[in-house]
Amino acid sequence: RNTVRYTFCHPAARELYDDWEARAADAVANLQTVAA
């Protein structure tokens, strides 16, 4: 259970989020800061 994995890999996520693309972009942007 990981919220980034959920966003991209669980089919329910695209229906759950009001704006999936924006939520997905936020998740990746946060992970970029961690990876740096």
PDB file of all heavy atoms in Angstrom:
ATOM      1  N   ARG A   1       0.837  -1.206   0.000  1.00  0.00           N
ATOM      2  CA  ARG A   1       0.000   0.000   0.000  1.00  0.00           C
ATOM      3  C   ARG A   1       0.870   1.253   0.000  1.00  0.00           C
ATOM      4  O   ARG A   1       1.559   1.565   0.973  1.00  0.00           O
ATOM      5  CB  ARG A   1      -0.939  -0.011   1.205  1.00  0.00           C
ATOM      6  CG  ARG A   1      -1.943  -1.153   1.152  1.00  0.00           C
ATOM      7  CD  ARG A   1      -2.737  -1.278   2.437  1.00  0.00           C
ATOM      8  NE  ARG A   1      -3.490  -2.535   2.454  1.00  0.00           N
ATOM      9  CZ  ARG A   1      -4.147  -3.007   3.502  1.00  0.00           C
ATOM     10  NH1 ARG A   1      -4.155  -2.311   4.643  1.00  0.00           N
ATOM     11  NH2 ARG A   1      -4.784  -4.162   3.424  1.00  0.00           N
ATOM     12  N   ASN A   2       0.820   1.941  -1.086  1.00  0.00           N
ATOM     13  CA  ASN A   2       1.615   3.150  -1.314  1.00  0.00           C
ATOM     14  C   ASN A   2       0.742   4.068  -2.159  1.00  0.00           C
ATOM     15  O   ASN A   2       0.191   3.648  -3.184  1.00  0.00           O
ATOM     16  CB  ASN A   2       2.913   2.781  -2.044  1.00  0.00           C
ATOM     17  CG  ASN A   2       3.731   3.982  -2.438  1.00  0.00           C
ATOM     18  OD1 ASN A   2       3.375   4.729  -3.335  1.00  0.00           O
ATOM     19  ND2 ASN A   2       4.859   4.172  -1.778  1.00  0.00           N
ATOM     20  N   THR A   3       0.615   5.329  -1.765  1.00  0.00           N
ATOM     21  CA  THR A   3      -0.338   6.199  -2.455  1.00  0.00           C
ATOM     22  C   THR A   3       0.109   6.581  -3.868  1.00  0.00           C
ATOM     23  O   THR A   3      -0.733   6.855  -4.721  1.00  0.00           O
ATOM     24  CB  THR A   3      -0.619   7.468  -1.634  1.00  0.00           C
ATOM     25  OG1 THR A   3       0.600   8.187  -1.412  1.00  0.00           O
ATOM     26  CG2 THR A   3      -1.258   7.126  -0.294  1.00  0.00           C
ATOM     27  N   VAL A   4       1.413   6.595  -4.129  1.00  0.00           N
ATOM     28  CA  VAL A   4       1.866   6.854  -5.503  1.00  0.00           C
ATOM     29  C   VAL A   4       1.570   5.631  -6.372  1.00  0.00           C
ATOM     30  O   VAL A   4       1.051   5.745  -7.486  1.00  0.00           O
ATOM     31  CB  VAL A   4       3.367   7.191  -5.542  1.00  0.00           C
ATOM     32  CG1 VAL A   4       3.774   7.566  -6.970  1.00  0.00           C
ATOM     33  CG2 VAL A   4       3.706   8.322  -4.587  1.00  0.00           C
ATOM     34  N   ARG A   5       1.894   4.446  -5.867  1.00  0.00           N
ATOM     35  CA  ARG A   5       1.580   3.208  -6.585  1.00  0.00           C
ATOM     36  C   ARG A   5       0.070   3.113  -6.829  1.00  0.00           C
ATOM     37  O   ARG A   5      -0.374   2.728  -7.918  1.00  0.00           O
ATOM     38  CB  ARG A   5       2.076   2.001  -5.798  1.00  0.00           C
ATOM     39  CG  ARG A   5       1.786   0.659  -6.486  1.00  0.00           C
ATOM     40  CD  ARG A   5       2.216  -0.538  -5.652  1.00  0.00           C
ATOM     41  NE  ARG A   5       3.683  -0.612  -5.543  1.00  0.00           N
ATOM     42  CZ  ARG A   5       4.359  -0.482  -4.420  1.00  0.00           C
ATOM     43  NH1 ARG A   5       3.712  -0.237  -3.274  1.00  0.00           N
ATOM     44  NH2 ARG A   5       5.676  -0.574  -4.411  1.00  0.00           N
ATOM     45  N   TYR A   6      -0.718   3.459  -5.821  1.00  0.00           N
ATOM     46  CA  TYR A   6      -2.178   3.430  -5.951  1.00  0.00           C
ATOM     47  C   TYR A   6      -2.625   4.357  -7.079  1.00  0.00           C
ATOM     48  O   TYR A   6      -3.462   3.987  -7.912  1.00  0.00           O
ATOM     49  CB  TYR A   6      -2.818   3.848  -4.632  1.00  0.00           C
ATOM     50  CG  TYR A   6      -4.336   3.932  -4.672  1.00  0.00           C
ATOM     51  CD1 TYR A   6      -5.116   2.798  -4.451  1.00  0.00           C
ATOM     52  CD2 TYR A   6      -4.965   5.138  -4.929  1.00  0.00           C
ATOM     53  CE1 TYR A   6      -6.504   2.870  -4.484  1.00  0.00           C
ATOM     54  CE2 TYR A   6      -6.350   5.223  -4.971  1.00  0.00           C
ATOM     55  CZ  TYR A   6      -7.113   4.088  -4.754  1.00  0.00           C
ATOM     56  OH  TYR A   6      -8.491   4.168  -4.804  1.00  0.00           O
ATOM     57  N   THR A   7      -2.076   5.557  -7.118  1.00  0.00           N
ATOM     58  CA  THR A   7      -2.470   6.545  -8.120  1.00  0.00           C
ATOM     59  C   THR A   7      -2.263   6.031  -9.536  1.00  0.00           C
ATOM     60  O   THR A   7      -3.114   6.223 -10.414  1.00  0.00           O
ATOM     61  CB  THR A   7      -1.687   7.848  -7.910  1.00  0.00           C
ATOM     62  OG1 THR A   7      -1.994   8.380  -6.616  1.00  0.00           O
ATOM     63  CG2 THR A   7      -2.033   8.881  -8.973  1.00  0.00           C
ATOM     64  N   PHE A   8      -1.141   5.360  -9.768  1.00  0.00           N
ATOM     65  CA  PHE A   8      -0.796   4.947 -11.126  1.00  0.00           C
ATOM     66  C   PHE A   8      -1.179   3.503 -11.462  1.00  0.00           C
ATOM     67  O   PHE A   8      -1.337   3.178 -12.643  1.00  0.00           O
ATOM     68  CB  PHE A   8       0.707   5.138 -11.359  1.00  0.00           C
ATOM     69  CG  PHE A   8       1.098   6.573 -11.478  1.00  0.00           C
ATOM     70  CD1 PHE A   8       1.570   7.272 -10.375  1.00  0.00           C
ATOM     71  CD2 PHE A   8       0.977   7.243 -12.683  1.00  0.00           C
ATOM     72  CE1 PHE A   8       1.911   8.608 -10.476  1.00  0.00           C
ATOM     73  CE2 PHE A   8       1.313   8.574 -12.798  1.00  0.00           C
ATOM     74  CZ  PHE A   8       1.783   9.272 -11.684  1.00  0.00           C
ATOM     75  N   CYS A   9      -1.341   2.658 -10.455  1.00  0.00           N
ATOM     76  CA  CYS A   9      -1.501   1.229 -10.730  1.00  0.00           C
ATOM     77  C   CYS A   9      -2.843   0.641 -10.313  1.00  0.00           C
ATOM     78  O   CYS A   9      -3.164  -0.485 -10.723  1.00  0.00           O
ATOM     79  CB  CYS A   9      -0.375   0.440 -10.058  1.00  0.00           C
ATOM     80  SG  CYS A   9       1.279   0.901 -10.625  1.00  0.00           S
ATOM     81  N   HIS A  10      -3.622   1.348  -9.510  1.00  0.00           N
ATOM     82  CA  HIS A  10      -4.925   0.812  -9.121  1.00  0.00           C
ATOM     83  C   HIS A  10      -6.006   1.432 -10.002  1.00  0.00           C
ATOM     84  O   HIS A  10      -6.114   2.654 -10.089  1.00  0.00           O
ATOM     85  CB  HIS A  10      -5.226   1.094  -7.652  1.00  0.00           C
ATOM     86  CG  HIS A  10      -6.260   0.176  -7.078  1.00  0.00           C
ATOM     87  ND1 HIS A  10      -7.574   0.162  -7.506  1.00  0.00           N
ATOM     88  CD2 HIS A  10      -6.168  -0.789  -6.118  1.00  0.00           C
ATOM     89  CE1 HIS A  10      -8.244  -0.750  -6.836  1.00  0.00           C
ATOM     90  NE2 HIS A  10      -7.419  -1.347  -5.985  1.00  0.00           N
ATOM     91  N   PRO A  11      -6.819   0.627 -10.666  1.00  0.00           N
ATOM     92  CA  PRO A  11      -7.824   1.179 -11.588  1.00  0.00           C
ATOM     93  C   PRO A  11      -8.839   2.099 -10.925  1.00  0.00           C
ATOM     94  O   PRO A  11      -9.394   2.990 -11.581  1.00  0.00           O
ATOM     95  CB  PRO A  11      -8.497  -0.077 -12.166  1.00  0.00           C
ATOM     96  CG  PRO A  11      -8.174  -1.187 -11.207  1.00  0.00           C
ATOM     97  CD  PRO A  11      -6.834  -0.845 -10.636  1.00  0.00           C
ATOM     98  N   ALA A  12      -9.070   1.919  -9.620  1.00  0.00           N
ATOM     99  CA  ALA A  12     -10.061   2.752  -8.933  1.00  0.00           C
ATOM    100  C   ALA A  12      -9.610   4.203  -8.809  1.00  0.00           C
ATOM    101  O   ALA A  12     -10.442   5.106  -8.666  1.00  0.00           O
ATOM    102  CB  ALA A  12     -10.355   2.178  -7.552  1.00  0.00           C
ATOM    103  N   ALA A  13      -8.309   4.450  -8.855  1.00  0.00           N
ATOM    104  CA  ALA A  13      -7.787   5.798  -8.610  1.00  0.00           C
ATOM    105  C   ALA A  13      -8.280   6.803  -9.644  1.00  0.00           C
ATOM    106  O   ALA A  13      -8.568   7.956  -9.309  1.00  0.00           O
ATOM    107  CB  ALA A  13      -6.260   5.767  -8.597  1.00  0.00           C
ATOM    108  N   ARG A  14      -8.389   6.401 -10.891  1.00  0.00           N
ATOM    109  CA  ARG A  14      -8.788   7.345 -11.948  1.00  0.00           C
ATOM    110  C   ARG A  14     -10.229   7.798 -11.795  1.00  0.00           C
ATOM    111  O   ARG A  14     -10.595   8.872 -12.295  1.00  0.00           O
ATOM    112  CB  ARG A  14      -8.538   6.724 -13.323  1.00  0.00           C
ATOM    113  CG  ARG A  14      -7.050   6.538 -13.604  1.00  0.00           C
ATOM    114  CD  ARG A  14      -6.794   5.884 -14.953  1.00  0.00           C
ATOM    115  NE  ARG A  14      -5.380   5.611 -15.119  1.00  0.00           N
ATOM    116  CZ  ARG A  14      -4.516   6.397 -15.764  1.00  0.00           C
ATOM    117  NH1 ARG A  14      -4.950   7.516 -16.318  1.00  0.00           N
ATOM    118  NH2 ARG A  14      -3.246   6.065 -15.865  1.00  0.00           N
ATOM    119  N   GLU A  15     -11.047   6.990 -11.141  1.00  0.00           N
ATOM    120  CA  GLU A  15     -12.421   7.393 -10.870  1.00  0.00           C
ATOM    121  C   GLU A  15     -12.530   8.140  -9.544  1.00  0.00           C
ATOM    122  O   GLU A  15     -13.405   8.985  -9.366  1.00  0.00           O
ATOM    123  CB  GLU A  15     -13.327   6.153 -10.838  1.00  0.00           C
ATOM    124  CG  GLU A  15     -13.362   5.378 -12.139  1.00  0.00           C
ATOM    125  CD  GLU A  15     -13.896   6.200 -13.299  1.00  0.00           C
ATOM    126  OE1 GLU A  15     -14.796   7.040 -13.076  1.00  0.00           O
ATOM    127  OE2 GLU A  15     -13.412   6.005 -14.439  1.00  0.00           O
ATOM    128  N   LEU A  16     -11.653   7.814  -8.612  1.00  0.00           N
ATOM    129  CA  LEU A  16     -11.724   8.417  -7.280  1.00  0.00           C
ATOM    130  C   LEU A  16     -11.325   9.883  -7.285  1.00  0.00           C
ATOM    131  O   LEU A  16     -11.996  10.725  -6.685  1.00  0.00           O
ATOM    132  CB  LEU A  16     -10.825   7.637  -6.311  1.00  0.00           C
ATOM    133  CG  LEU A  16     -10.779   8.153  -4.873  1.00  0.00           C
ATOM    134  CD1 LEU A  16     -12.136   7.982  -4.185  1.00  0.00           C
ATOM    135  CD2 LEU A  16      -9.695   7.424  -4.073  1.00  0.00           C
ATOM    136  N   TYR A  17     -10.223  10.207  -7.960  1.00  0.00           N
ATOM    137  CA  TYR A  17      -9.728  11.583  -7.948  1.00  0.00           C
ATOM    138  C   TYR A  17     -10.539  12.449  -8.902  1.00  0.00           C
ATOM    139  O   TYR A  17     -10.783  12.076 -10.051  1.00  0.00           O
ATOM    140  CB  TYR A  17      -8.259  11.628  -8.354  1.00  0.00           C
ATOM    141  CG  TYR A  17      -7.328  10.930  -7.386  1.00  0.00           C
ATOM    142  CD1 TYR A  17      -6.420   9.978  -7.837  1.00  0.00           C
ATOM    143  CD2 TYR A  17      -7.359  11.222  -6.034  1.00  0.00           C
ATOM    144  CE1 TYR A  17      -5.554   9.338  -6.956  1.00  0.00           C
ATOM    145  CE2 TYR A  17      -6.504  10.589  -5.146  1.00  0.00           C
ATOM    146  CZ  TYR A  17      -5.602   9.642  -5.612  1.00  0.00           C
ATOM    147  OH  TYR A  17      -4.763   9.013  -4.744  1.00  0.00           O
ATOM    148  N   ASP A  18     -10.935  13.622  -8.428  1.00  0.00           N
ATOM    149  CA  ASP A  18     -11.708  14.555  -9.254  1.00  0.00           C
ATOM    150  C   ASP A  18     -10.912  14.981 -10.483  1.00  0.00           C
ATOM    151  O   ASP A  18     -11.457  15.132 -11.566  1.00  0.00           O
ATOM    152  CB  ASP A  18     -12.103  15.781  -8.425  1.00  0.00           C
ATOM    153  CG  ASP A  18     -12.976  16.743  -9.198  1.00  0.00           C
ATOM    154  OD1 ASP A  18     -14.104  16.359  -9.539  1.00  0.00           O
ATOM    155  OD2 ASP A  18     -12.514  17.863  -9.480  1.00  0.00           O
ATOM    156  N   ASP A  19      -9.607  15.179 -10.317  1.00  0.00           N
ATOM    157  CA  ASP A  19      -8.716  15.534 -11.432  1.00  0.00           C
ATOM    158  C   ASP A  19      -7.499  14.619 -11.333  1.00  0.00           C
ATOM    159  O   ASP A  19      -6.503  14.953 -10.695  1.00  0.00           O
ATOM    160  CB  ASP A  19      -8.313  17.004 -11.333  1.00  0.00           C
ATOM    161  CG  ASP A  19      -7.485  17.480 -12.532  1.00  0.00           C
ATOM    162  OD1 ASP A  19      -6.950  16.634 -13.272  1.00  0.00           O
ATOM    163  OD2 ASP A  19      -7.380  18.707 -12.722  1.00  0.00           O
ATOM    164  N   TRP A  20      -7.592  13.448 -11.972  1.00  0.00           N
ATOM    165  CA  TRP A  20      -6.541  12.452 -11.836  1.00  0.00           C
ATOM    166  C   TRP A  20      -5.201  12.982 -12.318  1.00  0.00           C
ATOM    167  O   TRP A  20      -4.160  12.763 -11.665  1.00  0.00           O
ATOM    168  CB  TRP A  20      -6.893  11.169 -12.597  1.00  0.00           C
ATOM    169  CG  TRP A  20      -5.838  10.126 -12.441  1.00  0.00           C
ATOM    170  CD1 TRP A  20      -5.737   9.190 -11.454  1.00  0.00           C
ATOM    171  CD2 TRP A  20      -4.677   9.929 -13.281  1.00  0.00           C
ATOM    172  NE1 TRP A  20      -4.605   8.428 -11.609  1.00  0.00           N
ATOM    173  CE2 TRP A  20      -3.940   8.858 -12.725  1.00  0.00           C
ATOM    174  CE3 TRP A  20      -4.218  10.553 -14.439  1.00  0.00           C
ATOM    175  CZ2 TRP A  20      -2.743   8.410 -13.301  1.00  0.00           C
ATOM    176  CZ3 TRP A  20      -3.024  10.110 -15.012  1.00  0.00           C
ATOM    177  CH2 TRP A  20      -2.301   9.042 -14.450  1.00  0.00           C
ATOM    178  N   GLU A  21      -5.158  13.661 -13.447  1.00  0.00           N
ATOM    179  CA  GLU A  21      -3.897  14.137 -14.008  1.00  0.00           C
ATOM    180  C   GLU A  21      -3.179  15.077 -13.039  1.00  0.00           C
ATOM    181  O   GLU A  21      -1.964  14.977 -12.843  1.00  0.00           O
ATOM    182  CB  GLU A  21      -4.144  14.858 -15.330  1.00  0.00           C
ATOM    183  CG  GLU A  21      -2.884  15.343 -16.040  1.00  0.00           C
ATOM    184  CD  GLU A  21      -2.058  14.241 -16.696  1.00  0.00           C
ATOM    185  OE1 GLU A  21      -2.598  13.137 -16.911  1.00  0.00           O
ATOM    186  OE2 GLU A  21      -0.871  14.492 -16.984  1.00  0.00           O
ATOM    187  N   ALA A  22      -3.928  15.968 -12.404  1.00  0.00           N
ATOM    188  CA  ALA A  22      -3.328  16.898 -11.441  1.00  0.00           C
ATOM    189  C   ALA A  22      -2.807  16.161 -10.215  1.00  0.00           C
ATOM    190  O   ALA A  22      -1.707  16.441  -9.722  1.00  0.00           O
ATOM    191  CB  ALA A  22      -4.337  17.957 -11.028  1.00  0.00           C
ATOM    192  N   ARG A  23      -3.581  15.212  -9.695  1.00  0.00           N
ATOM    193  CA  ARG A  23      -3.147  14.444  -8.530  1.00  0.00           C
ATOM    194  C   ARG A  23      -1.921  13.596  -8.860  1.00  0.00           C
ATOM    195  O   ARG A  23      -1.001  13.454  -8.059  1.00  0.00           O
ATOM    196  CB  ARG A  23      -4.283  13.535  -8.035  1.00  0.00           C
ATOM    197  CG  ARG A  23      -5.507  14.268  -7.542  1.00  0.00           C
ATOM    198  CD  ARG A  23      -5.346  14.860  -6.144  1.00  0.00           C
ATOM    199  NE  ARG A  23      -4.493  16.035  -6.092  1.00  0.00           N
ATOM    200  CZ  ARG A  23      -4.897  17.264  -6.417  1.00  0.00           C
ATOM    201  NH1 ARG A  23      -6.132  17.450  -6.817  1.00  0.00           N
ATOM    202  NH2 ARG A  23      -4.073  18.289  -6.319  1.00  0.00           N
ATOM    203  N   ALA A  24      -1.904  13.017 -10.061  1.00  0.00           N
ATOM    204  CA  ALA A  24      -0.763  12.204 -10.475  1.00  0.00           C
ATOM    205  C   ALA A  24       0.488  13.062 -10.605  1.00  0.00           C
ATOM    206  O   ALA A  24       1.582  12.667 -10.182  1.00  0.00           O
ATOM    207  CB  ALA A  24      -1.074  11.509 -11.800  1.00  0.00           C
ATOM    208  N   ALA A  25       0.337  14.244 -11.194  1.00  0.00           N
ATOM    209  CA  ALA A  25       1.483  15.149 -11.351  1.00  0.00           C
ATOM    210  C   ALA A  25       2.025  15.585  -9.997  1.00  0.00           C
ATOM    211  O   ALA A  25       3.251  15.670  -9.800  1.00  0.00           O
ATOM    212  CB  ALA A  25       1.071  16.371 -12.178  1.00  0.00           C
ATOM    213  N   ASP A  26       1.137  15.842  -9.035  1.00  0.00           N
ATOM    214  CA  ASP A  26       1.574  16.217  -7.685  1.00  0.00           C
ATOM    215  C   ASP A  26       2.363  15.085  -7.030  1.00  0.00           C
ATOM    216  O   ASP A  26       3.375  15.321  -6.368  1.00  0.00           O
ATOM    217  CB  ASP A  26       0.367  16.560  -6.809  1.00  0.00           C
ATOM    218  CG  ASP A  26      -0.282  17.879  -7.176  1.00  0.00           C
ATOM    219  OD1 ASP A  26       0.322  18.654  -7.937  1.00  0.00           O
ATOM    220  OD2 ASP A  26      -1.410  18.118  -6.707  1.00  0.00           O
ATOM    221  N   ALA A  27       1.886  13.855  -7.204  1.00  0.00           N
ATOM    222  CA  ALA A  27       2.559  12.704  -6.600  1.00  0.00           C
ATOM    223  C   ALA A  27       3.967  12.540  -7.153  1.00  0.00           C
ATOM    224  O   ALA A  27       4.926  12.266  -6.409  1.00  0.00           O
ATOM    225  CB  ALA A  27       1.735  11.439  -6.838  1.00  0.00           C
ATOM    226  N   VAL A  28       4.111  12.701  -8.463  1.00  0.00           N
ATOM    227  CA  VAL A  28       5.424  12.566  -9.084  1.00  0.00           C
ATOM    228  C   VAL A  28       6.338  13.712  -8.666  1.00  0.00           C
ATOM    229  O   VAL A  28       7.527  13.508  -8.393  1.00  0.00           O
ATOM    230  CB  VAL A  28       5.290  12.512 -10.617  1.00  0.00           C
ATOM    231  CG1 VAL A  28       6.662  12.514 -11.285  1.00  0.00           C
ATOM    232  CG2 VAL A  28       4.524  11.262 -11.040  1.00  0.00           C
ATOM    233  N   ALA A  29       5.797  14.922  -8.602  1.00  0.00           N
ATOM    234  CA  ALA A  29       6.608  16.083  -8.216  1.00  0.00           C
ATOM    235  C   ALA A  29       7.152  15.926  -6.801  1.00  0.00           C
ATOM    236  O   ALA A  29       8.301  16.287  -6.512  1.00  0.00           O
ATOM    237  CB  ALA A  29       5.779  17.358  -8.328  1.00  0.00           C
ATOM    238  N   ASN A  30       6.346  15.373  -5.898  1.00  0.00           N
ATOM    239  CA  ASN A  30       6.827  15.144  -4.535  1.00  0.00           C
ATOM    240  C   ASN A  30       7.915  14.081  -4.520  1.00  0.00           C
ATOM    241  O   ASN A  30       8.932  14.222  -3.823  1.00  0.00           O
ATOM    242  CB  ASN A  30       5.673  14.707  -3.636  1.00  0.00           C
ATOM    243  CG  ASN A  30       6.117  14.447  -2.213  1.00  0.00           C
ATOM    244  OD1 ASN A  30       6.460  15.357  -1.469  1.00  0.00           O
ATOM    245  ND2 ASN A  30       6.132  13.177  -1.829  1.00  0.00           N
ATOM    246  N   LEU A  31       7.731  13.028  -5.307  1.00  0.00           N
ATOM    247  CA  LEU A  31       8.734  11.962  -5.351  1.00  0.00           C
ATOM    248  C   LEU A  31      10.042  12.471  -5.957  1.00  0.00           C
ATOM    249  O   LEU A  31      11.129  12.014  -5.567  1.00  0.00           O
ATOM    250  CB  LEU A  31       8.196  10.776  -6.149  1.00  0.00           C
ATOM    251  CG  LEU A  31       8.992   9.465  -6.069  1.00  0.00           C
ATOM    252  CD1 LEU A  31       9.191   9.020  -4.628  1.00  0.00           C
ATOM    253  CD2 LEU A  31       8.293   8.380  -6.877  1.00  0.00           C
ATOM    254  N   GLN A  32       9.968  13.426  -6.871  1.00  0.00           N
ATOM    255  CA  GLN A  32      11.183  14.035  -7.424  1.00  0.00           C
ATOM    256  C   GLN A  32      11.991  14.723  -6.329  1.00  0.00           C
ATOM    257  O   GLN A  32      13.229  14.633  -6.310  1.00  0.00           O
ATOM    258  CB  GLN A  32      10.833  15.050  -8.516  1.00  0.00           C
ATOM    259  CG  GLN A  32      10.459  14.463  -9.858  1.00  0.00           C
ATOM    260  CD  GLN A  32      11.661  14.095 -10.710  1.00  0.00           C
ATOM    261  OE1 GLN A  32      12.803  14.127 -10.248  1.00  0.00           O
ATOM    262  NE2 GLN A  32      11.405  13.748 -11.967  1.00  0.00           N
ATOM    263  N   THR A  33      11.324  15.408  -5.414  1.00  0.00           N
ATOM    264  CA  THR A  33      12.051  16.096  -4.336  1.00  0.00           C
ATOM    265  C   THR A  33      12.729  15.092  -3.410  1.00  0.00           C
ATOM    266  O   THR A  33      13.829  15.329  -2.918  1.00  0.00           O
ATOM    267  CB  THR A  33      11.107  16.997  -3.514  1.00  0.00           C
ATOM    268  OG1 THR A  33      10.138  16.199  -2.825  1.00  0.00           O
ATOM    269  CG2 THR A  33      10.378  17.991  -4.398  1.00  0.00           C
ATOM    270  N   VAL A  34      12.059  13.957  -3.179  1.00  0.00           N
ATOM    271  CA  VAL A  34      12.635  12.908  -2.337  1.00  0.00           C
ATOM    272  C   VAL A  34      13.847  12.285  -3.031  1.00  0.00           C
ATOM    273  O   VAL A  34      14.902  12.063  -2.414  1.00  0.00           O
ATOM    274  CB  VAL A  34      11.586  11.830  -2.010  1.00  0.00           C
ATOM    275  CG1 VAL A  34      12.214  10.678  -1.243  1.00  0.00           C
ATOM    276  CG2 VAL A  34      10.431  12.425  -1.224  1.00  0.00           C
ATOM    277  N   ALA A  35      13.713  12.010  -4.315  1.00  0.00           N
ATOM    278  CA  ALA A  35      14.803  11.390  -5.070  1.00  0.00           C
ATOM    279  C   ALA A  35      16.019  12.296  -5.156  1.00  0.00           C
ATOM    280  O   ALA A  35      17.159  11.813  -5.212  1.00  0.00           O
ATOM    281  CB  ALA A  35      14.323  11.033  -6.473  1.00  0.00           C
ATOM    282  N   ALA A  36      15.811  13.599  -5.171  1.00  0.00           N
ATOM    283  CA  ALA A  36      16.943  14.529  -5.225  1.00  0.00           C
ATOM    284  C   ALA A  36      17.811  14.416  -3.980  1.00  0.00           C
ATOM    285  O   ALA A  36      19.044  14.454  -4.062  1.00  0.00           O
ATOM    286  CB  ALA A  36      16.439  15.959  -5.386  1.00  0.00           C
TER     287      ALA A  36
END
